[in-house]
């Protein structure tokens, strides 16, 4: 039996970040994950905004950002019209690259075991993790960072409540211009032309030498348009966004089209001794709202910087200790914001009620005015140079 202070089940983004932080803090830690190298997976493919600030609080931002591609400037289109060219602070990175880069920050003092956790028993003192090999791990605390997996759910009495099935669908692929060597912009965010399109947005951004797309829609998985997207993607894109070619020119989808639906769910029965859930193991977020990484980094930063050092300083690991994490005001605020944003974006994108139609037009007018003011303040040569704009592209009627 291995003996450790903390056992982390799951080596995705949450588990790897926690392992790197705890290892750097000198806390004896073991990570259990079946993959020695994290495989390709359609999840977070862009970092930015507050996510970078939270990541910096983990002490791991510099290494992660070196593996990303910074877009620096983005064009924004609403209702099929280019309304804004503005600076951007988004960083593109494939999810497996993100996780494997984070794993590289785990110090050698942390033991990483390539196996599956098949059973878990908990108490107010020590926890026991049983592996597929039959080996067991004894830990003061188990961090369940197993993402969407339900493998250990029943063994400790956890249940999941799906609050919004197939809340959104993420579609990802690489895109290239047919008639030019490169697009006339460094990045593009294209909002729906009509509410009936049931689309949140189309974002095109660089990852390495490729231009990558995340297209977020609100549809059922048996929607015929998704079938077209798999088999005739260019035609499906132009059917969804007829005015897109005015900005991009003729396009070609390169590489496979990946499609992933996302349910919103919350976990119940989690307030128990010896085990704490982080990231998707606790509750999911909507990929279209872009809050999943905020939730992961917030969970792990609060857990590893605040709660685990406090818990380990005194004997026992009772439910009262664990409750401090779930009641953490920073965490609960992030969770509530993530849920609210998921539902707000869906309504803003698809609802035809007057308040939501007015909201869409208000955003269009505000961004249009901001774009016009920016053009008046900035010489065209500077704007074109920053955006990489060729003279024959980017004009929208």
Protein backbone atom coordinates (compact mmCIF):
# COMPACT_ATOMS: atom_id res chain seq x y z
CA UNK A 1 0.00 0.00 0.00
CA UNK A 2 1.31 3.42 -0.97
CA UNK A 3 0.93 6.11 1.67
CA UNK A 4 0.48 9.78 0.77
CA UNK A 5 -1.09 12.98 2.02
CA UNK A 6 -3.10 13.65 -1.14
CA UNK A 7 -4.23 11.26 -3.87
CA UNK A 8 -5.51 12.88 -7.07
CA UNK A 9 -7.77 10.74 -9.27
CA UNK A 10 -7.64 12.08 -12.82
CA UNK A 11 -4.80 13.72 -14.71
CA UNK A 12 -6.68 16.14 -16.94
CA UNK A 13 -6.39 19.90 -16.56
CA UNK A 14 -7.75 20.06 -12.99
CA UNK A 15 -5.80 17.06 -11.72
CA UNK A 16 -2.53 18.04 -13.39
CA UNK A 17 -2.75 21.64 -12.17
CA UNK A 18 -3.44 20.45 -8.63
CA UNK A 19 -0.53 17.99 -8.78
CA UNK A 20 1.87 20.68 -9.99
CA UNK A 21 0.79 23.11 -7.27
CA UNK A 22 0.85 20.59 -4.42
CA UNK A 23 4.16 19.14 -5.53
CA UNK A 24 5.74 22.56 -5.66
CA UNK A 25 4.39 23.24 -2.16
CA UNK A 26 6.12 20.12 -0.84
CA UNK A 27 2.90 18.21 -0.12
CA UNK A 28 3.25 14.46 -0.68
CA UNK A 29 1.00 13.69 -3.64
CA UNK A 30 0.12 10.75 -5.91
CA UNK A 31 -1.73 11.12 -9.22
CA UNK A 32 -3.69 8.26 -10.80
CA UNK A 33 -4.59 8.45 -14.50
CA UNK A 34 -4.68 5.74 -17.20
CA UNK A 35 -2.86 7.88 -19.79
CA UNK A 36 0.90 8.40 -19.57
CA UNK A 37 0.46 11.11 -22.23
CA UNK A 38 -2.89 12.87 -22.34
CA UNK A 39 -4.65 12.06 -25.65
CA UNK A 40 -6.42 14.49 -28.03
CA UNK A 41 -9.73 15.64 -26.60
CA UNK A 42 -12.22 18.34 -27.64
CA UNK A 43 -12.31 20.68 -24.69
CA UNK A 44 -10.78 24.07 -23.90
CA UNK A 45 -8.82 25.34 -26.92
CA UNK A 46 -8.34 28.97 -25.93
CA UNK A 47 -7.32 30.90 -22.83
CA UNK A 48 -7.86 34.57 -22.13
CA UNK A 49 -9.23 37.29 -19.90
CA UNK A 50 -9.63 36.47 -16.23
CA UNK A 51 -8.43 32.92 -16.87
CA UNK A 52 -4.89 34.23 -17.28
CA UNK A 53 -5.11 36.15 -14.00
CA UNK A 54 -6.30 33.05 -12.14
CA UNK A 55 -3.63 30.94 -13.84
CA UNK A 56 -0.98 33.37 -12.64
CA UNK A 57 -2.11 32.76 -9.06
CA UNK A 58 -1.27 29.08 -9.51
CA UNK A 59 2.33 30.00 -10.32
CA UNK A 60 2.15 28.08 -13.62
CA UNK A 61 1.17 30.74 -16.16
CA UNK A 62 4.56 31.38 -17.76
CA UNK A 63 5.14 27.76 -18.77
CA UNK A 64 1.59 27.38 -20.12
CA UNK A 65 1.56 30.62 -22.11
CA UNK A 66 4.82 29.68 -23.83
CA UNK A 67 2.96 26.74 -25.42
CA UNK A 68 0.11 28.91 -26.76
CA UNK A 69 -0.38 31.13 -29.81
CA UNK A 70 -1.34 34.73 -29.00
CA UNK A 71 -3.83 36.22 -31.49
CA UNK A 72 -3.14 39.90 -30.51
CA UNK A 73 -5.89 41.32 -32.75
CA UNK A 74 -9.41 40.19 -33.66
CA UNK A 75 -12.10 41.21 -36.13
CA UNK A 76 -15.70 41.06 -34.88
CA UNK A 77 -18.78 40.57 -37.07
CA UNK A 78 -22.45 40.79 -36.04
CA UNK A 79 -25.49 40.18 -38.24
CA UNK A 80 -23.06 39.40 -41.07
CA UNK A 81 -21.40 42.80 -40.91
CA UNK A 82 -17.84 43.54 -39.83
CA UNK A 83 -18.26 45.99 -36.95
CA UNK A 84 -14.97 46.09 -35.09
CA UNK A 85 -11.23 45.47 -35.33
CA UNK A 86 -9.73 45.52 -31.86
CA UNK A 87 -6.77 44.31 -29.81
CA UNK A 88 -7.19 40.85 -28.32
CA UNK A 89 -5.54 38.90 -25.54
CA UNK A 90 -6.58 35.35 -26.41
CA UNK A 91 -4.19 32.39 -26.45
CA UNK A 92 -4.93 29.35 -28.63
CA UNK A 93 -3.83 25.88 -27.51
CA UNK A 94 -5.15 22.37 -28.11
CA UNK A 95 -6.46 20.73 -24.95
CA UNK A 96 -4.04 17.79 -24.99
CA UNK A 97 -1.13 20.23 -25.43
CA UNK A 98 -2.45 22.28 -22.51
CA UNK A 99 -2.72 19.24 -20.23
CA UNK A 100 0.61 17.73 -21.25
CA UNK A 101 2.32 21.10 -20.77
CA UNK A 102 0.77 21.30 -17.31
CA UNK A 103 1.90 17.75 -16.58
CA UNK A 104 5.45 18.75 -17.43
CA UNK A 105 5.28 21.22 -14.53
CA UNK A 106 4.60 18.43 -12.01
CA UNK A 107 7.79 18.02 -9.95
CA UNK A 108 9.44 14.58 -9.74
CA UNK A 109 8.49 14.32 -6.06
CA UNK A 110 4.91 13.68 -7.21
CA UNK A 111 4.31 10.05 -8.18
CA UNK A 112 2.20 9.59 -11.29
CA UNK A 113 0.65 6.13 -11.67
CA UNK A 114 -0.66 5.01 -15.07
CA UNK A 115 -3.70 3.04 -13.92
CA UNK A 116 -7.42 3.36 -13.25
CA UNK A 117 -8.97 3.91 -9.86
CA UNK A 118 -11.62 1.21 -9.51
CA UNK A 119 -12.80 1.73 -5.94
CA UNK A 120 -12.72 4.39 -3.24
CA UNK A 121 -13.55 4.21 0.45
CA UNK A 122 -13.57 7.30 2.63
CA UNK A 123 -13.61 8.21 6.32
CA UNK A 124 -12.88 11.14 8.60
CA UNK A 125 -9.27 9.96 8.92
CA UNK A 126 -7.77 7.96 6.00
CA UNK A 127 -9.02 7.23 2.49
CA UNK A 128 -8.28 4.12 0.43
CA UNK A 129 -8.04 4.11 -3.36
CA UNK A 130 -8.00 0.73 -5.11
CA UNK A 131 -6.36 0.56 -8.56
CA UNK A 132 -7.05 -1.74 -11.49
CA UNK A 133 -3.80 -3.54 -10.77
CA UNK A 134 -5.09 -4.43 -7.31
CA UNK A 135 -2.70 -2.05 -5.59
CA UNK A 136 -4.10 0.34 -2.96
CA UNK A 137 -3.23 3.89 -1.95
CA UNK A 138 -3.83 5.29 1.54
CA UNK A 139 -4.29 9.07 1.63
CA UNK A 140 -5.45 11.72 4.06
CA UNK A 141 -7.36 13.40 1.23
CA UNK A 142 -8.62 12.30 -2.18
CA UNK A 143 -9.10 14.96 -4.87
CA UNK A 144 -11.59 13.63 -7.42
CA UNK A 145 -10.63 15.31 -10.69
CA UNK A 146 -12.00 12.63 -13.01
CA UNK A 147 -13.97 14.96 -15.26
CA UNK A 148 -17.09 13.48 -16.85
CA UNK A 149 -16.29 9.94 -15.69
CA UNK A 150 -18.83 8.27 -13.43
CA UNK A 151 -16.61 5.28 -12.60
CA UNK A 152 -16.34 6.04 -8.87
CA UNK A 153 -19.66 7.84 -8.43
CA UNK A 154 -21.64 4.94 -7.00
CA UNK A 155 -18.85 3.70 -4.73
CA UNK A 156 -19.14 6.80 -2.52
CA UNK A 157 -22.82 7.63 -3.03
CA UNK A 158 -22.55 10.54 -5.47
CA UNK A 159 -25.44 11.39 -7.80
CA UNK A 160 -25.65 13.74 -10.77
CA UNK A 161 -28.59 15.93 -11.70
CA UNK A 162 -28.66 16.97 -15.35
CA UNK A 163 -30.07 20.49 -15.31
CA UNK A 164 -29.86 21.16 -19.06
CA UNK A 165 -29.30 18.18 -21.41
CA UNK A 166 -27.34 18.95 -24.58
CA UNK A 167 -27.20 22.59 -23.53
CA UNK A 168 -24.76 23.40 -26.34
CA UNK A 169 -22.66 21.67 -28.97
CA UNK A 170 -19.04 22.48 -29.78
CA UNK A 171 -17.78 21.91 -33.32
CA UNK A 172 -14.03 22.19 -33.97
CA UNK A 173 -11.91 21.99 -37.11
CA UNK A 174 -9.11 23.74 -38.99
CA UNK A 175 -9.97 26.22 -41.73
CA UNK A 176 -7.90 27.62 -44.60
CA UNK A 177 -8.56 30.17 -47.37
CA UNK A 178 -8.88 28.72 -50.87
CA UNK A 179 -7.55 31.64 -52.87
CA UNK A 180 -4.93 33.15 -50.55
CA UNK A 181 -2.00 31.91 -48.52
CA UNK A 182 -3.51 33.35 -45.34
CA UNK A 183 -6.64 35.03 -44.06
CA UNK A 184 -6.68 38.83 -43.99
CA UNK A 185 -7.04 38.94 -40.19
CA UNK A 186 -5.25 37.32 -37.25
CA UNK A 187 -8.52 36.16 -35.63
CA UNK A 188 -12.26 36.47 -36.25
CA UNK A 189 -15.33 36.23 -34.05
CA UNK A 190 -18.55 35.96 -36.04
CA UNK A 191 -21.90 36.15 -34.24
CA UNK A 192 -25.11 34.69 -35.73
CA UNK A 193 -26.94 36.44 -38.52
CA UNK A 194 -30.34 35.27 -37.25
CA UNK A 195 -31.67 33.92 -33.93
CA UNK A 196 -33.26 31.04 -35.86
CA UNK A 197 -29.75 29.74 -36.68
CA UNK A 198 -29.46 28.56 -33.04
CA UNK A 199 -25.81 29.53 -33.00
CA UNK A 200 -23.78 31.27 -30.29
CA UNK A 201 -20.75 32.27 -32.36
CA UNK A 202 -18.03 31.14 -34.75
CA UNK A 203 -14.48 31.95 -33.66
CA UNK A 204 -11.44 31.49 -35.90
CA UNK A 205 -8.04 31.84 -34.23
CA UNK A 206 -4.43 30.68 -34.64
CA UNK A 207 -2.91 27.62 -33.00
CA UNK A 208 0.64 27.28 -34.21
CA UNK A 209 0.64 27.56 -38.01
CA UNK A 210 -3.02 26.53 -38.38
CA UNK A 211 -6.21 28.58 -38.16
CA UNK A 212 -8.61 26.74 -35.88
CA UNK A 213 -12.39 27.09 -35.48
CA UNK A 214 -14.67 26.66 -32.51
CA UNK A 215 -18.30 26.87 -33.65
CA UNK A 216 -20.85 26.87 -30.82
CA UNK A 217 -24.47 25.95 -31.59
CA UNK A 218 -27.67 25.10 -29.71
CA UNK A 219 -29.16 22.11 -31.51
CA UNK A 220 -30.20 18.50 -30.97
CA UNK A 221 -27.66 15.83 -31.86
CA UNK A 222 -30.00 14.42 -34.54
CA UNK A 223 -30.27 17.80 -36.30
CA UNK A 224 -29.78 17.27 -40.09
CA UNK A 225 -27.47 20.29 -40.22
CA UNK A 226 -24.97 18.45 -38.00
CA UNK A 227 -24.98 15.56 -40.46
CA UNK A 228 -24.23 18.02 -43.25
CA UNK A 229 -21.47 19.55 -41.14
CA UNK A 230 -19.79 16.14 -40.92
CA UNK A 231 -20.03 15.30 -44.62
CA UNK A 232 -20.11 18.65 -46.47
CA UNK A 233 -18.75 21.17 -43.96
CA UNK A 234 -18.13 24.10 -46.31
CA UNK A 235 -21.72 23.97 -47.59
CA UNK A 236 -23.01 23.67 -44.01
CA UNK A 237 -21.01 26.70 -42.90
CA UNK A 238 -22.24 28.87 -45.77
CA UNK A 239 -25.83 27.76 -45.13
CA UNK A 240 -25.48 28.81 -41.49
CA UNK A 241 -23.55 32.03 -42.20
CA UNK A 242 -24.28 33.20 -45.78
CA UNK A 243 -22.30 36.43 -45.35
CA UNK A 244 -19.21 34.81 -43.89
CA UNK A 245 -17.42 34.59 -47.25
CA UNK A 246 -17.55 38.41 -47.53
CA UNK A 247 -14.95 38.47 -44.76
CA UNK A 248 -13.08 35.20 -45.22
CA UNK A 249 -13.34 34.67 -48.95
CA UNK A 250 -13.75 31.09 -50.16
CA UNK A 251 -12.78 28.59 -47.47
CA UNK A 252 -11.76 24.96 -47.10
CA UNK A 253 -12.20 22.84 -44.00
CA UNK A 254 -8.99 20.93 -43.40
CA UNK A 255 -8.71 17.95 -41.11
CA UNK A 256 -11.51 16.18 -39.25
CA UNK A 257 -14.65 17.89 -37.95
CA UNK A 258 -15.08 17.12 -34.24
CA UNK A 259 -18.47 17.49 -32.56
CA UNK A 260 -19.06 17.37 -28.80
CA UNK A 261 -22.38 17.97 -26.99
CA UNK A 262 -22.32 19.32 -23.44
CA UNK A 263 -24.85 18.62 -20.71
CA UNK A 264 -25.06 20.92 -17.71
CA UNK A 265 -25.15 18.92 -14.48
CA UNK A 266 -24.45 19.29 -10.78
CA UNK A 267 -23.31 16.64 -8.29
CA UNK A 268 -25.16 15.82 -5.08
CA UNK A 269 -23.91 13.94 -2.04
CA UNK A 270 -20.50 15.57 -2.29
CA UNK A 271 -20.25 16.91 1.26
CA UNK A 272 -18.58 13.93 2.82
CA UNK A 273 -15.32 13.31 4.67
CA UNK A 274 -12.01 12.67 2.98
CA UNK A 275 -12.86 13.50 -0.64
CA UNK A 276 -13.28 16.75 -2.58
CA UNK A 277 -14.51 17.19 -6.17
CA UNK A 278 -13.06 19.75 -8.58
CA UNK A 279 -13.82 20.83 -12.14
CA UNK A 280 -16.27 18.75 -14.18
CA UNK A 281 -16.28 16.04 -11.51
CA UNK A 282 -18.34 18.49 -9.43
CA UNK A 283 -20.34 20.44 -12.04
CA UNK A 284 -20.10 21.16 -15.74
CA UNK A 285 -20.13 24.49 -17.52
CA UNK A 286 -21.19 25.50 -21.03
CA UNK A 287 -18.26 25.53 -23.50
CA UNK A 288 -19.99 28.28 -25.49
CA UNK A 289 -19.91 30.53 -22.44
CA UNK A 290 -16.17 29.86 -22.13
CA UNK A 291 -16.21 29.55 -18.34
CA UNK A 292 -14.98 25.99 -17.91
CA UNK A 293 -11.33 26.92 -17.52
CA UNK A 294 -12.25 29.70 -15.11
CA UNK A 295 -14.01 27.10 -12.96
CA UNK A 296 -11.12 24.63 -13.11
CA UNK A 297 -8.44 27.19 -12.27
CA UNK A 298 -10.59 28.75 -9.54
CA UNK A 299 -11.36 25.37 -7.95
CA UNK A 300 -7.74 24.25 -7.99
CA UNK A 301 -6.25 27.59 -6.96
CA UNK A 302 -8.55 27.90 -3.94
CA UNK A 303 -8.13 24.25 -2.99
CA UNK A 304 -4.34 24.14 -3.24
CA UNK A 305 -3.45 27.64 -2.08
CA UNK A 306 -6.00 27.98 0.71
CA UNK A 307 -7.80 24.84 1.86
CA UNK A 308 -5.47 21.84 1.59
CA UNK A 309 -2.63 23.50 3.55
CA UNK A 310 -5.16 24.42 6.24
CA UNK A 311 -6.70 20.93 6.34
CA UNK A 312 -3.36 19.13 6.57
CA UNK A 313 -2.23 21.31 9.47
CA UNK A 314 -4.60 19.52 11.89
CA UNK A 315 -5.60 15.86 12.34
CA UNK A 316 -8.53 14.32 10.55
CA UNK A 317 -10.36 15.05 7.30
CA UNK A 318 -13.99 15.36 8.36
CA UNK A 319 -16.88 16.68 6.34
CA UNK A 320 -16.69 20.00 8.20
CA UNK A 321 -13.25 20.61 6.73
CA UNK A 322 -14.34 19.66 3.21
CA UNK A 323 -17.36 21.97 3.47
CA UNK A 324 -15.04 24.97 3.67
CA UNK A 325 -14.07 24.43 0.03
CA UNK A 326 -17.65 24.10 -1.26
CA UNK A 327 -18.62 27.19 0.73
CA UNK A 328 -15.61 29.24 -0.38
CA UNK A 329 -17.06 32.57 -1.53
CA UNK A 330 -14.65 32.86 -4.46
CA UNK A 331 -15.56 29.38 -5.70
CA UNK A 332 -19.33 29.79 -5.21
CA UNK A 333 -19.29 33.14 -7.00
CA UNK A 334 -17.43 31.59 -9.95
CA UNK A 335 -19.86 28.65 -10.09
CA UNK A 336 -22.90 30.94 -10.00
CA UNK A 337 -21.46 33.25 -12.64
CA UNK A 338 -20.67 30.30 -14.91
CA UNK A 339 -24.21 28.92 -14.68
CA UNK A 340 -25.81 32.31 -15.22
CA UNK A 341 -23.61 33.04 -18.23
CA UNK A 342 -24.47 29.69 -19.82
CA UNK A 343 -28.20 30.41 -19.75
CA UNK A 344 -27.84 34.10 -20.61
CA UNK A 345 -25.77 33.40 -23.73
CA UNK A 346 -28.21 30.80 -24.97
CA UNK A 347 -31.15 33.17 -24.56
CA UNK A 348 -29.23 36.08 -26.06
CA UNK A 349 -28.35 33.93 -29.09
CA UNK A 350 -31.66 32.19 -29.75
CA UNK A 351 -34.57 33.75 -27.86
CA UNK A 352 -36.97 35.79 -30.00
CA UNK A 353 -38.62 37.66 -27.11
CA UNK A 354 -38.41 41.45 -27.36
CA UNK A 355 -35.85 41.89 -24.56
CA UNK A 356 -33.41 39.47 -26.22
CA UNK A 357 -33.89 40.93 -29.71
CA UNK A 358 -33.21 44.36 -28.23
CA UNK A 359 -30.11 42.99 -26.49
CA UNK A 360 -28.71 41.65 -29.76
CA UNK A 361 -29.26 44.94 -31.56
CA UNK A 362 -27.80 46.91 -28.65
CA UNK A 363 -24.61 44.86 -28.82
CA UNK A 364 -24.46 45.35 -32.58
CA UNK A 365 -24.79 49.13 -32.29
CA UNK A 366 -22.31 49.44 -29.43
CA UNK A 367 -19.65 47.37 -31.23
CA UNK A 368 -20.30 49.25 -34.48
CA UNK A 369 -19.81 52.60 -32.75
CA UNK A 370 -16.69 51.37 -30.98
CA UNK A 371 -15.27 50.15 -34.27
CA UNK A 372 -15.99 53.43 -36.04
CA UNK A 373 -14.44 55.46 -33.22
CA UNK A 374 -11.33 53.26 -33.29
CA UNK A 375 -10.98 53.77 -37.04
CA UNK A 376 -11.25 57.55 -36.62
CA UNK A 377 -8.55 57.54 -33.94
CA UNK A 378 -6.15 55.19 -35.68
CA UNK A 379 -4.55 55.72 -39.12
CA UNK A 380 -5.64 53.00 -41.55
CA UNK A 381 -2.05 51.92 -42.20
CA UNK A 382 -1.61 51.16 -38.50
CA UNK A 383 -4.90 49.23 -38.27
CA UNK A 384 -4.15 47.24 -41.42
CA UNK A 385 -0.64 46.47 -40.24
CA UNK A 386 -1.83 45.29 -36.83
CA UNK A 387 -4.53 43.14 -38.36
CA UNK A 388 -2.48 41.79 -41.25
CA UNK A 389 -5.13 43.04 -43.68
CA UNK A 390 -4.45 42.60 -47.40
CA UNK A 391 -5.93 45.33 -49.58
CA UNK A 392 -8.33 43.01 -51.43
CA UNK A 393 -10.01 41.40 -48.39
CA UNK A 394 -12.15 42.43 -45.44
CA UNK A 395 -14.65 44.71 -47.15
CA UNK A 396 -18.21 43.99 -46.08
CA UNK A 397 -21.29 45.43 -47.72
